[in-house]
C-alpha cells in the first residue's frame, strides 16, 4: 500500500471519527439540534371533544405535550393519559401553561363523542382531537407517527402506534419526547424543563 492510499484512509477515518464525536456531543433526547423543527410537525385541522376546530396555530404561544393513541387501547393509552394527568397535577400552577393533546390514530371509532366520554376519566386539561381519516393521517405524517391497524377476531381490531409523548416548545418546535418506558421522575423533569423555557 503506497503512502497516498494510507493518507486517504487516515483522512477518511478521521472524518468518520469527527462526525461520530459531533453526533455524540450534540445528540439529545433522540434529536439533533436544528433538525427537529424541520422534520416534526406541520399543518393540520382536527376537531376537539367539544366540537371546536384545532389547527397547528393552537400549538404556538405555550409548550405542548402530544400523545397519539386511541380510546379502545387496552394498556399503553390509558396508562399514558393517567401519567399525563399526574404530571399536570405535579407541575402545580405551571401545569396550566402546558397544553396536552390526545390525538386519535383510530378516527373511525374515536368520534368526538367517544373522545369526550373517554377523557372524562383523566385531567380536564387534556384535549382530545379527531377528524376524518385523511385529516388525521395528515397530522400523523407531519409528526412522523407510526400507526397500523391489526385485525382481530371477526370485525374487531387493535392499533399498533407510536407510544411516545411529543414535546413542543412555545414556538411549536419539536423539543424531544417522553418515552413510554421513561422513569416517572425523568419524565416530570423533562416537562418542568419544557415549561421553564416557555
N, C-alpha and C. Protein backbone atom coordinates (compact mmCIF):
# COMPACT_ATOMS: atom_id res chain seq x y z
N UNK A 1 0.86 -1.20 0.00
CA UNK A 1 0.00 0.00 0.00
C UNK A 1 0.90 1.24 0.00
N UNK A 2 0.67 2.13 -0.94
CA UNK A 2 1.54 3.30 -1.01
C UNK A 2 1.12 4.39 -0.02
N UNK A 3 1.99 5.37 0.11
CA UNK A 3 1.79 6.44 1.08
C UNK A 3 0.51 7.24 0.81
N UNK A 4 0.17 7.42 -0.47
CA UNK A 4 -1.03 8.18 -0.82
C UNK A 4 -2.29 7.49 -0.32
N UNK A 5 -2.36 6.17 -0.51
CA UNK A 5 -3.53 5.43 -0.04
C UNK A 5 -3.64 5.48 1.48
N UNK A 6 -2.52 5.39 2.14
CA UNK A 6 -2.53 5.45 3.62
C UNK A 6 -3.09 6.79 4.08
N UNK A 7 -2.65 7.87 3.43
CA UNK A 7 -3.15 9.20 3.80
C UNK A 7 -4.66 9.32 3.56
N UNK A 8 -5.14 8.77 2.45
CA UNK A 8 -6.58 8.80 2.15
C UNK A 8 -7.36 8.04 3.20
N UNK A 9 -6.88 6.85 3.57
CA UNK A 9 -7.56 6.04 4.58
C UNK A 9 -7.56 6.72 5.94
N UNK A 10 -6.41 7.30 6.30
CA UNK A 10 -6.32 8.01 7.59
C UNK A 10 -7.26 9.22 7.58
N UNK A 11 -7.31 9.94 6.46
CA UNK A 11 -8.21 11.09 6.35
C UNK A 11 -9.67 10.70 6.47
N UNK A 12 -10.03 9.61 5.80
CA UNK A 12 -11.42 9.12 5.86
C UNK A 12 -11.78 8.69 7.27
N UNK A 13 -10.87 7.97 7.91
CA UNK A 13 -11.11 7.51 9.28
C UNK A 13 -11.26 8.69 10.23
N UNK A 14 -10.44 9.72 10.03
CA UNK A 14 -10.52 10.92 10.87
C UNK A 14 -11.86 11.62 10.69
N UNK A 15 -12.31 11.72 9.43
CA UNK A 15 -13.60 12.37 9.14
C UNK A 15 -14.75 11.62 9.80
N UNK A 16 -14.71 10.30 9.72
CA UNK A 16 -15.76 9.47 10.36
C UNK A 16 -15.74 9.68 11.87
N UNK A 17 -14.55 9.73 12.45
CA UNK A 17 -14.42 9.92 13.88
C UNK A 17 -14.97 11.28 14.31
N UNK A 18 -14.67 12.32 13.53
CA UNK A 18 -15.16 13.66 13.84
C UNK A 18 -16.69 13.71 13.81
N UNK A 19 -17.29 13.10 12.77
CA UNK A 19 -18.76 13.07 12.66
C UNK A 19 -19.37 12.31 13.83
N UNK A 20 -18.78 11.16 14.16
CA UNK A 20 -19.29 10.35 15.29
C UNK A 20 -19.21 11.13 16.59
N UNK A 21 -18.10 11.84 16.79
CA UNK A 21 -17.93 12.64 18.01
C UNK A 21 -18.95 13.77 18.07
N UNK A 22 -19.19 14.42 16.92
CA UNK A 22 -20.18 15.50 16.88
C UNK A 22 -21.57 14.98 17.21
N UNK A 23 -21.92 13.82 16.67
CA UNK A 23 -23.23 13.23 16.95
C UNK A 23 -23.35 12.91 18.43
N UNK A 24 -22.28 12.40 19.03
CA UNK A 24 -22.30 12.05 20.45
C UNK A 24 -22.49 13.29 21.32
N UNK A 25 -21.78 14.37 20.96
CA UNK A 25 -21.84 15.60 21.75
C UNK A 25 -23.20 16.28 21.63
N UNK A 26 -23.74 16.33 20.40
CA UNK A 26 -24.96 17.10 20.17
C UNK A 26 -26.26 16.33 20.28
N UNK A 27 -26.17 15.01 20.33
CA UNK A 27 -27.41 14.22 20.39
C UNK A 27 -28.09 14.44 21.73
N UNK A 28 -29.37 14.76 21.68
CA UNK A 28 -30.11 14.99 22.92
C UNK A 28 -31.56 14.63 22.71
N UNK A 29 -32.10 13.78 23.60
CA UNK A 29 -33.50 13.36 23.52
C UNK A 29 -33.85 12.78 22.15
N UNK A 30 -32.89 12.15 21.53
CA UNK A 30 -33.17 11.50 20.27
C UNK A 30 -33.27 12.42 19.07
N UNK A 31 -32.83 13.69 19.21
CA UNK A 31 -32.95 14.63 18.10
C UNK A 31 -31.68 15.47 18.00
N UNK A 32 -31.27 15.79 16.80
CA UNK A 32 -30.14 16.70 16.62
C UNK A 32 -30.66 18.13 16.57
N UNK A 33 -30.01 19.05 17.29
CA UNK A 33 -30.44 20.44 17.25
C UNK A 33 -30.45 20.97 15.82
N UNK A 34 -31.49 21.75 15.52
CA UNK A 34 -31.57 22.33 14.19
C UNK A 34 -32.27 21.46 13.17
N UNK A 35 -32.48 20.17 13.52
CA UNK A 35 -33.13 19.29 12.56
C UNK A 35 -34.57 19.01 12.94
N UNK A 36 -34.87 19.09 14.22
CA UNK A 36 -36.18 18.68 14.70
C UNK A 36 -37.31 19.52 14.13
N UNK A 37 -37.15 20.84 14.18
CA UNK A 37 -38.23 21.72 13.75
C UNK A 37 -38.60 21.49 12.29
N UNK A 38 -37.62 21.09 11.50
CA UNK A 38 -37.87 20.90 10.07
C UNK A 38 -38.51 19.55 9.77
N UNK A 39 -38.45 18.63 10.71
CA UNK A 39 -38.91 17.29 10.42
C UNK A 39 -40.14 16.85 11.20
N UNK A 40 -40.50 17.55 12.26
CA UNK A 40 -41.64 17.16 13.09
C UNK A 40 -42.67 18.28 13.12
N UNK A 41 -43.91 17.96 12.77
CA UNK A 41 -45.00 18.95 12.80
C UNK A 41 -45.47 19.30 11.41
N UNK A 42 -46.32 20.30 11.35
CA UNK A 42 -46.87 20.72 10.07
C UNK A 42 -48.34 21.08 10.20
N UNK A 43 -48.95 21.50 9.11
CA UNK A 43 -50.35 21.92 9.16
C UNK A 43 -51.31 20.76 9.40
N UNK A 44 -52.35 21.04 10.15
CA UNK A 44 -53.42 20.06 10.37
C UNK A 44 -54.68 20.81 10.79
N UNK A 45 -55.81 20.18 10.67
CA UNK A 45 -57.09 20.74 11.12
C UNK A 45 -57.94 19.59 11.62
N UNK A 46 -58.10 19.52 12.94
CA UNK A 46 -58.89 18.46 13.56
C UNK A 46 -59.95 19.07 14.47
N UNK A 47 -60.76 18.24 15.06
CA UNK A 47 -61.85 18.68 15.94
C UNK A 47 -61.63 18.15 17.34
N UNK A 48 -61.81 19.02 18.36
CA UNK A 48 -61.64 18.54 19.73
C UNK A 48 -62.93 17.91 20.24
N UNK A 49 -62.90 17.41 21.47
CA UNK A 49 -64.04 16.68 22.01
C UNK A 49 -65.26 17.57 22.27
N UNK A 50 -65.05 18.89 22.18
CA UNK A 50 -66.16 19.82 22.38
C UNK A 50 -66.72 20.34 21.05
N UNK A 51 -66.11 19.92 19.94
CA UNK A 51 -66.60 20.34 18.63
C UNK A 51 -65.86 21.51 18.01
N UNK A 52 -64.84 22.03 18.70
CA UNK A 52 -64.07 23.17 18.16
C UNK A 52 -62.98 22.69 17.22
N UNK A 53 -62.71 23.47 16.19
CA UNK A 53 -61.63 23.15 15.25
C UNK A 53 -60.29 23.56 15.86
N UNK A 54 -59.31 22.67 15.78
CA UNK A 54 -57.97 22.93 16.30
C UNK A 54 -56.98 22.75 15.15
N UNK A 55 -56.14 23.76 14.94
CA UNK A 55 -55.13 23.69 13.89
C UNK A 55 -53.74 23.82 14.51
N UNK A 56 -52.72 23.78 13.66
CA UNK A 56 -51.34 23.90 14.14
C UNK A 56 -51.11 25.24 14.85
N UNK A 57 -51.93 26.24 14.57
CA UNK A 57 -51.79 27.54 15.23
C UNK A 57 -52.01 27.43 16.73
N UNK A 58 -52.80 26.44 17.15
CA UNK A 58 -53.09 26.27 18.58
C UNK A 58 -51.87 25.80 19.36
N UNK A 59 -50.83 25.36 18.66
CA UNK A 59 -49.63 24.86 19.33
C UNK A 59 -48.63 25.95 19.65
N UNK A 60 -48.91 27.17 19.22
CA UNK A 60 -47.96 28.27 19.43
C UNK A 60 -48.34 29.13 20.63
N UNK A 61 -47.32 29.67 21.28
CA UNK A 61 -47.54 30.56 22.41
C UNK A 61 -47.45 29.88 23.75
N UNK A 62 -47.21 28.58 23.77
CA UNK A 62 -47.11 27.81 25.01
C UNK A 62 -46.46 26.47 24.68
N UNK A 63 -45.90 25.79 25.69
CA UNK A 63 -45.38 24.45 25.44
C UNK A 63 -46.53 23.45 25.32
N UNK A 64 -46.29 22.38 24.58
CA UNK A 64 -47.33 21.36 24.38
C UNK A 64 -46.77 19.96 24.55
N UNK A 65 -47.64 19.06 24.95
CA UNK A 65 -47.32 17.63 25.00
C UNK A 65 -48.41 16.92 24.20
N UNK A 66 -48.00 16.12 23.22
CA UNK A 66 -48.96 15.47 22.33
C UNK A 66 -48.75 13.96 22.36
N UNK A 67 -49.83 13.24 22.60
CA UNK A 67 -49.78 11.77 22.59
C UNK A 67 -50.77 11.25 21.55
N UNK A 68 -50.31 10.32 20.74
CA UNK A 68 -51.14 9.73 19.70
C UNK A 68 -51.55 8.32 20.14
N UNK A 69 -52.87 8.08 20.19
CA UNK A 69 -53.35 6.77 20.63
C UNK A 69 -54.80 6.58 20.23
N UNK A 70 -55.52 5.74 20.96
CA UNK A 70 -56.93 5.53 20.64
C UNK A 70 -57.67 5.03 21.88
N UNK A 71 -58.96 5.28 21.92
CA UNK A 71 -59.74 5.01 23.13
C UNK A 71 -59.97 3.53 23.41
N UNK A 72 -59.84 2.68 22.40
CA UNK A 72 -60.03 1.25 22.61
C UNK A 72 -58.73 0.55 23.00
N UNK A 73 -57.68 1.32 23.17
CA UNK A 73 -56.37 0.79 23.54
C UNK A 73 -56.45 0.16 24.94
N UNK A 74 -55.95 -1.07 25.09
CA UNK A 74 -56.10 -1.76 26.37
C UNK A 74 -55.08 -1.39 27.43
N UNK A 75 -53.95 -0.80 27.06
CA UNK A 75 -52.91 -0.62 28.08
C UNK A 75 -52.11 0.68 27.95
N UNK A 76 -51.37 0.84 26.86
CA UNK A 76 -50.46 1.99 26.73
C UNK A 76 -51.19 3.33 26.84
N UNK A 77 -52.31 3.46 26.14
CA UNK A 77 -53.01 4.75 26.10
C UNK A 77 -53.60 5.16 27.45
N UNK A 78 -54.38 4.31 28.12
CA UNK A 78 -54.89 4.74 29.42
C UNK A 78 -53.79 4.98 30.44
N UNK A 79 -52.72 4.18 30.36
CA UNK A 79 -51.60 4.37 31.28
C UNK A 79 -50.92 5.72 31.04
N UNK A 80 -50.67 6.04 29.77
CA UNK A 80 -50.02 7.30 29.44
C UNK A 80 -50.89 8.50 29.80
N UNK A 81 -52.19 8.40 29.53
CA UNK A 81 -53.09 9.51 29.88
C UNK A 81 -53.19 9.69 31.40
N UNK A 82 -53.13 8.59 32.13
CA UNK A 82 -53.11 8.69 33.60
C UNK A 82 -51.81 9.35 34.05
N UNK A 83 -50.70 8.98 33.42
CA UNK A 83 -49.42 9.61 33.73
C UNK A 83 -49.47 11.11 33.42
N UNK A 84 -50.04 11.45 32.28
CA UNK A 84 -50.12 12.86 31.88
C UNK A 84 -50.97 13.65 32.88
N UNK A 85 -52.04 13.04 33.35
CA UNK A 85 -52.88 13.69 34.35
C UNK A 85 -52.08 13.93 35.63
N UNK A 86 -51.28 12.94 36.00
CA UNK A 86 -50.44 13.04 37.20
C UNK A 86 -49.39 14.13 37.03
N UNK A 87 -48.76 14.18 35.84
CA UNK A 87 -47.75 15.21 35.58
C UNK A 87 -48.35 16.61 35.70
N UNK A 88 -49.54 16.78 35.16
CA UNK A 88 -50.18 18.09 35.22
C UNK A 88 -50.41 18.51 36.68
N UNK A 89 -50.82 17.56 37.50
CA UNK A 89 -51.04 17.85 38.92
C UNK A 89 -49.72 18.22 39.61
N UNK A 90 -48.66 17.45 39.31
CA UNK A 90 -47.37 17.67 39.97
C UNK A 90 -46.68 18.95 39.50
N UNK A 91 -47.04 19.43 38.33
CA UNK A 91 -46.47 20.70 37.86
C UNK A 91 -47.05 21.89 38.61
N UNK A 92 -48.13 21.66 39.35
CA UNK A 92 -48.76 22.74 40.10
C UNK A 92 -49.31 23.81 39.17
N UNK A 93 -49.15 25.09 39.53
CA UNK A 93 -49.66 26.17 38.68
C UNK A 93 -49.05 26.15 37.28
N UNK A 94 -47.82 25.64 37.15
CA UNK A 94 -47.18 25.57 35.83
C UNK A 94 -47.91 24.61 34.90
N UNK A 95 -48.70 23.71 35.47
CA UNK A 95 -49.45 22.76 34.66
C UNK A 95 -50.45 23.46 33.74
N UNK A 96 -50.90 24.65 34.15
CA UNK A 96 -51.85 25.40 33.33
C UNK A 96 -51.19 26.01 32.10
N UNK A 97 -49.86 26.08 32.11
CA UNK A 97 -49.13 26.64 30.96
C UNK A 97 -48.83 25.59 29.90
N UNK A 98 -48.99 24.32 30.26
CA UNK A 98 -48.72 23.22 29.34
C UNK A 98 -50.02 22.74 28.70
N UNK A 99 -50.08 22.75 27.38
CA UNK A 99 -51.26 22.24 26.68
C UNK A 99 -51.01 20.78 26.34
N UNK A 100 -51.95 19.93 26.69
CA UNK A 100 -51.80 18.49 26.47
C UNK A 100 -52.88 18.01 25.50
N UNK A 101 -52.44 17.28 24.47
CA UNK A 101 -53.34 16.80 23.43
C UNK A 101 -53.26 15.28 23.30
N UNK A 102 -54.42 14.67 23.13
CA UNK A 102 -54.53 13.24 22.84
C UNK A 102 -55.14 13.12 21.45
N UNK A 103 -54.31 12.72 20.49
CA UNK A 103 -54.76 12.65 19.09
C UNK A 103 -55.03 11.20 18.72
N UNK A 104 -56.24 10.92 18.24
CA UNK A 104 -56.57 9.54 17.91
C UNK A 104 -55.87 9.08 16.63
N UNK A 105 -55.50 7.81 16.62
CA UNK A 105 -55.00 7.17 15.39
C UNK A 105 -56.10 6.28 14.81
N UNK A 106 -57.28 6.34 15.44
CA UNK A 106 -58.41 5.47 15.07
C UNK A 106 -59.69 6.30 14.93
N UNK A 107 -59.72 7.25 13.99
CA UNK A 107 -60.88 8.15 13.90
C UNK A 107 -62.17 7.45 13.50
N UNK A 108 -62.06 6.27 12.91
CA UNK A 108 -63.28 5.54 12.54
C UNK A 108 -64.13 5.22 13.77
N UNK A 109 -63.48 4.91 14.88
CA UNK A 109 -64.22 4.62 16.13
C UNK A 109 -64.20 5.79 17.11
N UNK A 110 -63.14 6.57 17.07
CA UNK A 110 -63.00 7.67 18.03
C UNK A 110 -63.65 8.94 17.51
N UNK A 111 -64.96 8.98 17.63
CA UNK A 111 -65.71 10.18 17.27
C UNK A 111 -65.50 11.23 18.36
N UNK A 112 -65.97 12.42 18.10
CA UNK A 112 -65.88 13.48 19.10
C UNK A 112 -66.57 13.06 20.40
N UNK A 113 -67.73 12.44 20.26
CA UNK A 113 -68.49 12.00 21.44
C UNK A 113 -67.75 10.91 22.21
N UNK A 114 -67.13 9.98 21.47
CA UNK A 114 -66.36 8.91 22.10
C UNK A 114 -65.17 9.48 22.88
N UNK A 115 -64.49 10.43 22.27
CA UNK A 115 -63.36 11.07 22.95
C UNK A 115 -63.82 11.80 24.22
N UNK A 116 -64.92 12.51 24.11
CA UNK A 116 -65.43 13.26 25.26
C UNK A 116 -65.74 12.34 26.43
N UNK A 117 -66.38 11.22 26.15
CA UNK A 117 -66.72 10.27 27.21
C UNK A 117 -65.46 9.64 27.80
N UNK A 118 -64.53 9.27 26.94
CA UNK A 118 -63.30 8.60 27.37
C UNK A 118 -62.43 9.51 28.24
N UNK A 119 -62.30 10.76 27.84
CA UNK A 119 -61.39 11.68 28.53
C UNK A 119 -61.93 12.17 29.86
N UNK A 120 -63.18 11.86 30.18
CA UNK A 120 -63.72 12.24 31.48
C UNK A 120 -62.98 11.55 32.62
N UNK A 121 -62.29 10.45 32.32
CA UNK A 121 -61.55 9.71 33.35
C UNK A 121 -60.19 10.34 33.65
N UNK A 122 -59.83 11.39 32.91
CA UNK A 122 -58.49 11.97 33.06
C UNK A 122 -58.58 13.47 33.33
N UNK A 123 -57.44 14.11 33.48
CA UNK A 123 -57.40 15.54 33.77
C UNK A 123 -58.18 16.32 32.71
N UNK A 124 -58.99 17.26 33.17
CA UNK A 124 -59.87 18.02 32.26
C UNK A 124 -59.08 18.91 31.30
N UNK A 125 -57.79 19.11 31.58
CA UNK A 125 -56.97 19.96 30.70
C UNK A 125 -56.46 19.21 29.46
N UNK A 126 -56.74 17.92 29.38
CA UNK A 126 -56.31 17.15 28.21
C UNK A 126 -57.34 17.31 27.10
N UNK A 127 -56.88 17.75 25.95
CA UNK A 127 -57.75 17.97 24.79
C UNK A 127 -57.63 16.80 23.82
N UNK A 128 -58.77 16.20 23.47
CA UNK A 128 -58.79 15.11 22.51
C UNK A 128 -59.02 15.65 21.11
N UNK A 129 -58.35 15.06 20.13
CA UNK A 129 -58.50 15.50 18.75
C UNK A 129 -58.84 14.34 17.82
N UNK A 130 -59.81 14.56 16.93
CA UNK A 130 -60.19 13.57 15.94
C UNK A 130 -60.58 14.28 14.65
N UNK A 131 -60.97 13.53 13.65
CA UNK A 131 -61.36 14.11 12.37
C UNK A 131 -61.55 13.02 11.35
N UNK A 132 -61.59 13.38 10.11
CA UNK A 132 -61.70 12.38 9.05
C UNK A 132 -60.39 11.60 8.97
N UNK A 133 -60.45 10.43 8.33
CA UNK A 133 -59.23 9.64 8.17
C UNK A 133 -58.13 10.43 7.46
N UNK A 134 -58.42 11.12 6.36
CA UNK A 134 -57.37 11.91 5.69
C UNK A 134 -56.80 13.02 6.57
N UNK A 135 -57.68 13.67 7.37
CA UNK A 135 -57.22 14.76 8.23
C UNK A 135 -56.30 14.24 9.33
N UNK A 136 -56.68 13.11 9.91
CA UNK A 136 -55.83 12.50 10.95
C UNK A 136 -54.51 12.04 10.34
N UNK A 137 -54.59 11.40 9.19
CA UNK A 137 -53.37 10.91 8.53
C UNK A 137 -52.40 12.03 8.21
N UNK A 138 -52.94 13.20 7.88
CA UNK A 138 -52.07 14.34 7.60
C UNK A 138 -51.25 14.72 8.82
N UNK A 139 -51.89 14.73 10.00
CA UNK A 139 -51.15 15.06 11.22
C UNK A 139 -50.17 13.94 11.57
N UNK A 140 -50.60 12.69 11.41
CA UNK A 140 -49.70 11.57 11.71
C UNK A 140 -48.45 11.65 10.83
N UNK A 141 -48.63 11.97 9.58
CA UNK A 141 -47.50 12.08 8.66
C UNK A 141 -46.58 13.22 9.06
N UNK A 142 -47.17 14.37 9.39
CA UNK A 142 -46.38 15.53 9.78
C UNK A 142 -45.54 15.29 11.02
N UNK A 143 -46.09 14.52 11.96
CA UNK A 143 -45.38 14.24 13.20
C UNK A 143 -44.61 12.93 13.16
N UNK A 144 -44.61 12.29 11.98
CA UNK A 144 -43.88 11.03 11.78
C UNK A 144 -44.32 9.97 12.79
N UNK A 145 -45.63 9.86 12.94
CA UNK A 145 -46.20 8.89 13.88
C UNK A 145 -46.51 7.58 13.14
N UNK A 146 -46.07 6.49 13.72
CA UNK A 146 -46.37 5.17 13.16
C UNK A 146 -47.71 4.70 13.70
N UNK A 147 -48.58 4.19 12.82
CA UNK A 147 -49.81 3.53 13.27
C UNK A 147 -50.21 2.51 12.22
N UNK A 148 -50.76 1.40 12.70
CA UNK A 148 -51.15 0.32 11.79
C UNK A 148 -52.31 -0.45 12.40
N UNK A 149 -53.30 -0.72 11.57
CA UNK A 149 -54.47 -1.49 12.00
C UNK A 149 -54.10 -2.97 12.07
N UNK A 150 -54.44 -3.60 13.19
CA UNK A 150 -54.13 -5.02 13.38
C UNK A 150 -55.45 -5.79 13.52
N UNK A 151 -55.83 -6.58 12.53
CA UNK A 151 -57.10 -7.32 12.58
C UNK A 151 -57.14 -8.28 13.77
N UNK A 152 -58.34 -8.38 14.37
CA UNK A 152 -58.55 -9.34 15.45
C UNK A 152 -59.60 -10.35 15.03
N UNK A 153 -60.32 -10.89 15.98
CA UNK A 153 -61.37 -11.86 15.65
C UNK A 153 -62.60 -11.15 15.11
N UNK A 154 -63.19 -11.71 14.08
CA UNK A 154 -64.38 -11.11 13.48
C UNK A 154 -64.07 -9.74 12.92
N UNK A 155 -64.88 -8.75 13.32
CA UNK A 155 -64.67 -7.38 12.86
C UNK A 155 -63.80 -6.56 13.79
N UNK A 156 -63.33 -7.16 14.88
CA UNK A 156 -62.55 -6.40 15.85
C UNK A 156 -61.13 -6.13 15.33
N UNK A 157 -60.52 -5.11 15.87
CA UNK A 157 -59.13 -4.80 15.52
C UNK A 157 -58.52 -3.94 16.62
N UNK A 158 -57.20 -3.90 16.61
CA UNK A 158 -56.47 -3.01 17.50
C UNK A 158 -55.56 -2.14 16.63
N UNK A 159 -54.85 -1.23 17.26
CA UNK A 159 -53.96 -0.33 16.52
C UNK A 159 -52.56 -0.37 17.14
N UNK A 160 -51.58 -0.71 16.32
CA UNK A 160 -50.19 -0.50 16.73
C UNK A 160 -49.89 0.97 16.49
N UNK A 161 -49.14 1.59 17.41
CA UNK A 161 -48.85 3.01 17.21
C UNK A 161 -47.66 3.45 18.04
N UNK A 162 -47.09 4.58 17.65
CA UNK A 162 -46.01 5.20 18.41
C UNK A 162 -46.49 5.47 19.83
N UNK A 163 -45.64 5.13 20.81
CA UNK A 163 -46.08 5.25 22.20
C UNK A 163 -45.40 6.40 22.96
N UNK A 164 -44.68 7.25 22.26
CA UNK A 164 -44.00 8.37 22.92
C UNK A 164 -44.89 9.61 22.97
N UNK A 165 -44.64 10.45 23.97
CA UNK A 165 -45.30 11.75 24.06
C UNK A 165 -44.37 12.77 23.41
N UNK A 166 -44.89 13.49 22.43
CA UNK A 166 -44.10 14.50 21.74
C UNK A 166 -44.14 15.81 22.52
N UNK A 167 -42.99 16.42 22.71
CA UNK A 167 -42.90 17.69 23.42
C UNK A 167 -42.57 18.81 22.44
N UNK A 168 -43.34 19.89 22.49
CA UNK A 168 -43.11 21.05 21.63
C UNK A 168 -42.90 22.28 22.48
N UNK A 169 -41.99 23.15 22.06
CA UNK A 169 -41.78 24.38 22.81
C UNK A 169 -42.84 25.43 22.44
N UNK A 170 -42.69 26.63 22.98
CA UNK A 170 -43.72 27.66 22.78
C UNK A 170 -43.83 28.12 21.34
N UNK A 171 -42.83 27.79 20.52
CA UNK A 171 -42.88 28.14 19.10
C UNK A 171 -43.36 26.97 18.25
N UNK A 172 -43.85 25.92 18.91
CA UNK A 172 -44.33 24.70 18.25
C UNK A 172 -43.20 23.91 17.59
N UNK A 173 -41.97 24.15 18.05
CA UNK A 173 -40.82 23.39 17.54
C UNK A 173 -40.64 22.15 18.40
N UNK A 174 -40.29 21.06 17.77
CA UNK A 174 -40.09 19.79 18.46
C UNK A 174 -38.96 19.92 19.48
N UNK A 175 -39.24 19.53 20.72
CA UNK A 175 -38.26 19.68 21.81
C UNK A 175 -37.87 18.36 22.44
N UNK A 176 -38.33 17.23 21.89
CA UNK A 176 -37.98 15.93 22.45
C UNK A 176 -39.20 15.08 22.70
N UNK A 177 -39.00 13.99 23.42
CA UNK A 177 -40.10 13.08 23.72
C UNK A 177 -40.02 12.59 25.16
N UNK A 178 -41.14 12.10 25.63
CA UNK A 178 -41.18 11.31 26.86
C UNK A 178 -41.51 9.90 26.39
N UNK A 179 -40.61 8.99 26.62
CA UNK A 179 -40.81 7.61 26.18
C UNK A 179 -41.74 6.89 27.14
N UNK A 180 -42.47 5.91 26.62
CA UNK A 180 -43.41 5.14 27.44
C UNK A 180 -42.70 4.48 28.62
N UNK A 181 -41.42 4.14 28.44
CA UNK A 181 -40.68 3.44 29.49
C UNK A 181 -39.82 4.37 30.34
N UNK A 182 -39.93 5.67 30.12
CA UNK A 182 -39.15 6.62 30.93
C UNK A 182 -39.51 6.52 32.40
N UNK A 183 -38.51 6.69 33.24
CA UNK A 183 -38.74 6.77 34.68
C UNK A 183 -39.65 7.98 34.95
N UNK A 184 -40.64 7.83 35.84
CA UNK A 184 -41.58 8.93 36.10
C UNK A 184 -40.90 10.24 36.50
N UNK A 185 -39.85 10.15 37.31
CA UNK A 185 -39.14 11.37 37.72
C UNK A 185 -38.44 12.02 36.54
N UNK A 186 -37.88 11.20 35.66
CA UNK A 186 -37.22 11.72 34.46
C UNK A 186 -38.23 12.40 33.54
N UNK A 187 -39.40 11.77 33.40
CA UNK A 187 -40.46 12.34 32.55
C UNK A 187 -40.90 13.69 33.10
N UNK A 188 -41.11 13.77 34.41
CA UNK A 188 -41.54 15.02 35.02
C UNK A 188 -40.47 16.10 34.88
N UNK A 189 -39.21 15.70 34.99
CA UNK A 189 -38.11 16.66 34.84
C UNK A 189 -38.10 17.24 33.43
N UNK A 190 -38.37 16.41 32.43
CA UNK A 190 -38.42 16.90 31.05
C UNK A 190 -39.53 17.94 30.88
N UNK A 191 -40.68 17.68 31.52
CA UNK A 191 -41.80 18.62 31.40
C UNK A 191 -41.51 19.93 32.14
N UNK A 192 -40.87 19.82 33.31
CA UNK A 192 -40.51 21.02 34.05
C UNK A 192 -39.56 21.89 33.25
N UNK A 193 -38.60 21.23 32.59
CA UNK A 193 -37.65 21.96 31.76
C UNK A 193 -38.35 22.63 30.58
N UNK A 194 -39.30 21.90 29.99
CA UNK A 194 -40.05 22.42 28.85
C UNK A 194 -40.84 23.66 29.25
N UNK A 195 -41.54 23.58 30.37
CA UNK A 195 -42.37 24.71 30.84
C UNK A 195 -41.49 25.87 31.27
N UNK A 196 -40.35 25.56 31.89
CA UNK A 196 -39.45 26.63 32.35
C UNK A 196 -38.89 27.44 31.19
N UNK A 197 -38.77 26.81 30.03
CA UNK A 197 -38.23 27.51 28.87
C UNK A 197 -39.27 28.29 28.10
N UNK A 198 -40.52 28.22 28.55
CA UNK A 198 -41.60 28.90 27.81
C UNK A 198 -41.65 30.38 28.14
